[in-house]
Amino acid sequence: MNTDTIICRLKERRTSLGFTQRQVAEGADINVTTLINIEKGRAIPNLLYAMKLAKFLWMMVEEVFEYR
């Protein structure tokens, strides 16, 4: 049985900072649809996107995405 899980804290951080999805997507230079899919758990970002998102949200990648 595979129990690997990725915990994503993007939406939590984004809303606490008062950003819209569009603002974060534009600030991190990614497609808004991609951001929505990541937030909803339908997609796992590649390393570049994870780093861009973390940088825009003033966090470390490990704070945004946790692997369990």
N, C-alpha and C. Protein backbone atom coordinates (compact mmCIF):
# COMPACT_ATOMS: atom_id res chain seq x y z
N MET A 1 0.85 -1.19 0.00
CA MET A 1 0.00 0.00 0.00
C MET A 1 0.89 1.24 0.00
N ASN A 2 0.60 2.16 -0.90
CA ASN A 2 1.35 3.41 -1.00
C ASN A 2 0.69 4.47 -0.13
N THR A 3 1.43 5.01 0.82
CA THR A 3 0.87 6.02 1.72
C THR A 3 1.55 7.37 1.54
N ASP A 4 2.29 7.55 0.44
CA ASP A 4 2.95 8.84 0.19
C ASP A 4 1.92 9.93 0.01
N THR A 5 2.18 11.07 0.63
CA THR A 5 1.25 12.19 0.57
C THR A 5 2.02 13.49 0.45
N ILE A 6 1.49 14.42 -0.33
CA ILE A 6 2.03 15.77 -0.42
C ILE A 6 1.01 16.70 0.24
N ILE A 7 1.45 17.41 1.26
CA ILE A 7 0.60 18.40 1.92
C ILE A 7 0.91 19.74 1.28
N CYS A 8 -0.10 20.41 0.78
CA CYS A 8 0.07 21.70 0.09
C CYS A 8 -0.57 22.80 0.92
N ARG A 9 0.23 23.80 1.26
CA ARG A 9 -0.26 24.92 2.07
C ARG A 9 -0.40 26.22 1.26
N LEU A 10 -0.49 26.09 -0.04
CA LEU A 10 -0.58 27.27 -0.90
C LEU A 10 -1.81 28.12 -0.61
N LYS A 11 -2.97 27.49 -0.63
CA LYS A 11 -4.20 28.26 -0.45
C LYS A 11 -4.23 28.93 0.92
N GLU A 12 -3.81 28.20 1.93
CA GLU A 12 -3.79 28.75 3.29
C GLU A 12 -2.91 30.00 3.35
N ARG A 13 -1.71 29.92 2.79
CA ARG A 13 -0.79 31.05 2.80
C ARG A 13 -1.30 32.18 1.92
N ARG A 14 -1.78 31.84 0.74
CA ARG A 14 -2.28 32.86 -0.20
C ARG A 14 -3.39 33.68 0.42
N THR A 15 -4.36 32.99 1.03
CA THR A 15 -5.50 33.71 1.62
C THR A 15 -5.08 34.51 2.85
N SER A 16 -4.13 33.99 3.62
CA SER A 16 -3.68 34.74 4.81
C SER A 16 -2.99 36.04 4.41
N LEU A 17 -2.37 36.06 3.24
CA LEU A 17 -1.73 37.27 2.73
C LEU A 17 -2.68 38.16 1.94
N GLY A 18 -3.88 37.66 1.68
CA GLY A 18 -4.87 38.45 0.96
C GLY A 18 -4.70 38.47 -0.54
N PHE A 19 -4.01 37.49 -1.09
CA PHE A 19 -3.80 37.43 -2.53
C PHE A 19 -4.88 36.61 -3.22
N THR A 20 -5.21 37.00 -4.42
CA THR A 20 -6.09 36.17 -5.26
C THR A 20 -5.22 35.13 -5.97
N GLN A 21 -5.87 34.13 -6.54
CA GLN A 21 -5.13 33.13 -7.31
C GLN A 21 -4.42 33.78 -8.49
N ARG A 22 -5.09 34.70 -9.14
CA ARG A 22 -4.49 35.39 -10.29
C ARG A 22 -3.24 36.16 -9.87
N GLN A 23 -3.28 36.85 -8.73
CA GLN A 23 -2.13 37.62 -8.27
C GLN A 23 -0.92 36.71 -8.00
N VAL A 24 -1.17 35.58 -7.37
CA VAL A 24 -0.08 34.65 -7.08
C VAL A 24 0.46 34.05 -8.37
N ALA A 25 -0.42 33.64 -9.25
CA ALA A 25 0.01 33.06 -10.52
C ALA A 25 0.86 34.06 -11.31
N GLU A 26 0.41 35.28 -11.40
CA GLU A 26 1.17 36.29 -12.13
C GLU A 26 2.49 36.60 -11.43
N GLY A 27 2.47 36.71 -10.10
CA GLY A 27 3.68 37.01 -9.35
C GLY A 27 4.71 35.90 -9.42
N ALA A 28 4.24 34.66 -9.51
CA ALA A 28 5.15 33.51 -9.60
C ALA A 28 5.42 33.12 -11.05
N ASP A 29 4.81 33.83 -11.98
CA ASP A 29 4.98 33.58 -13.41
C ASP A 29 4.59 32.16 -13.81
N ILE A 30 3.38 31.75 -13.34
CA ILE A 30 2.83 30.47 -13.75
C ILE A 30 1.39 30.69 -14.20
N ASN A 31 0.84 29.73 -14.89
CA ASN A 31 -0.52 29.81 -15.38
C ASN A 31 -1.50 29.69 -14.21
N VAL A 32 -2.56 30.50 -14.21
CA VAL A 32 -3.52 30.47 -13.11
C VAL A 32 -4.22 29.11 -13.02
N THR A 33 -4.47 28.47 -14.14
CA THR A 33 -5.08 27.14 -14.13
C THR A 33 -4.16 26.14 -13.45
N THR A 34 -2.89 26.27 -13.67
CA THR A 34 -1.91 25.39 -13.01
C THR A 34 -1.96 25.60 -11.50
N LEU A 35 -2.00 26.85 -11.08
CA LEU A 35 -2.08 27.16 -9.65
C LEU A 35 -3.35 26.56 -9.04
N ILE A 36 -4.46 26.72 -9.70
CA ILE A 36 -5.73 26.16 -9.21
C ILE A 36 -5.61 24.65 -9.06
N ASN A 37 -5.04 23.98 -10.04
CA ASN A 37 -4.88 22.53 -9.97
C ASN A 37 -3.94 22.10 -8.85
N ILE A 38 -2.91 22.86 -8.60
CA ILE A 38 -2.00 22.56 -7.49
C ILE A 38 -2.73 22.74 -6.16
N GLU A 39 -3.45 23.85 -6.01
CA GLU A 39 -4.18 24.11 -4.77
C GLU A 39 -5.22 23.03 -4.49
N LYS A 40 -5.86 22.52 -5.53
CA LYS A 40 -6.91 21.51 -5.36
C LYS A 40 -6.37 20.09 -5.27
N GLY A 41 -5.06 19.94 -5.38
CA GLY A 41 -4.45 18.62 -5.27
C GLY A 41 -4.56 17.78 -6.53
N ARG A 42 -4.92 18.41 -7.63
CA ARG A 42 -5.02 17.69 -8.90
C ARG A 42 -3.70 17.63 -9.64
N ALA A 43 -2.73 18.43 -9.18
CA ALA A 43 -1.41 18.45 -9.81
C ALA A 43 -0.35 18.68 -8.74
N ILE A 44 0.82 18.11 -8.98
CA ILE A 44 1.97 18.34 -8.11
C ILE A 44 2.94 19.19 -8.92
N PRO A 45 3.38 20.32 -8.37
CA PRO A 45 4.24 21.20 -9.16
C PRO A 45 5.63 20.60 -9.36
N ASN A 46 6.23 20.95 -10.48
CA ASN A 46 7.62 20.58 -10.66
C ASN A 46 8.46 21.48 -9.75
N LEU A 47 9.73 21.20 -9.65
CA LEU A 47 10.59 21.93 -8.73
C LEU A 47 10.63 23.42 -9.03
N LEU A 48 10.70 23.79 -10.29
CA LEU A 48 10.77 25.20 -10.65
C LEU A 48 9.51 25.94 -10.18
N TYR A 49 8.34 25.38 -10.44
CA TYR A 49 7.09 26.02 -10.00
C TYR A 49 7.01 26.09 -8.49
N ALA A 50 7.42 25.03 -7.80
CA ALA A 50 7.40 25.03 -6.34
C ALA A 50 8.29 26.13 -5.79
N MET A 51 9.45 26.31 -6.39
CA MET A 51 10.37 27.35 -5.94
C MET A 51 9.82 28.75 -6.23
N LYS A 52 9.23 28.94 -7.40
CA LYS A 52 8.65 30.24 -7.75
C LYS A 52 7.52 30.60 -6.80
N LEU A 53 6.65 29.62 -6.51
CA LEU A 53 5.53 29.88 -5.61
C LEU A 53 6.01 30.20 -4.21
N ALA A 54 6.95 29.42 -3.71
CA ALA A 54 7.48 29.66 -2.37
C ALA A 54 8.13 31.03 -2.27
N LYS A 55 8.90 31.40 -3.26
CA LYS A 55 9.57 32.71 -3.25
C LYS A 55 8.54 33.84 -3.24
N PHE A 56 7.53 33.73 -4.09
CA PHE A 56 6.52 34.78 -4.14
C PHE A 56 5.78 34.91 -2.81
N LEU A 57 5.56 33.79 -2.13
CA LEU A 57 4.81 33.79 -0.87
C LEU A 57 5.72 33.96 0.35
N TRP A 58 6.99 34.26 0.15
CA TRP A 58 7.96 34.50 1.22
C TRP A 58 8.07 33.30 2.16
N MET A 59 8.21 32.13 1.56
CA MET A 59 8.32 30.89 2.32
C MET A 59 9.41 30.02 1.71
N MET A 60 9.81 29.01 2.47
CA MET A 60 10.69 27.98 1.94
C MET A 60 9.81 26.92 1.28
N VAL A 61 10.34 26.24 0.28
CA VAL A 61 9.58 25.21 -0.42
C VAL A 61 9.01 24.18 0.58
N GLU A 62 9.84 23.82 1.57
CA GLU A 62 9.42 22.83 2.55
C GLU A 62 8.25 23.30 3.42
N GLU A 63 8.07 24.62 3.51
CA GLU A 63 6.94 25.16 4.26
C GLU A 63 5.65 25.12 3.43
N VAL A 64 5.80 25.23 2.13
CA VAL A 64 4.64 25.23 1.24
C VAL A 64 4.19 23.79 0.93
N PHE A 65 5.17 22.93 0.66
CA PHE A 65 4.87 21.54 0.28
C PHE A 65 5.58 20.61 1.24
N GLU A 66 4.80 19.78 1.89
CA GLU A 66 5.37 18.81 2.83
C GLU A 66 5.13 17.40 2.30
N TYR A 67 6.17 16.61 2.29
CA TYR A 67 6.07 15.22 1.83
C TYR A 67 5.97 14.30 3.04
N ARG A 68 4.96 13.46 3.04
CA ARG A 68 4.79 12.47 4.14
C ARG A 68 4.69 11.11 3.56
